[in-house]
Amino acid sequence: MGAFDSFTAFLAMGEHGFYVWSAYAVGAAVMAFNVISPRLHRQRLISDHKRRLRREQR
């Protein structure tokens, strides 16, 4: 593991593990939101457009 004696020490990151791993988690959550949000918005726009077209055809 290089600078760490064990995997547990690697996870603890010299007593900064909570900060380090929570920062990674927040970063991953933001990246996931940036991927998922536009897809959901696109689906919503398509369904709204289809609904509007059906209304106009009547």
Foldseek 3Di string as FASTA:
>chain_A
DPPDPDVVCVCCVVVCNVVVVVVVVVVVVVVVCVVVVVVVVVVVVVVVVVVVVVVVVD
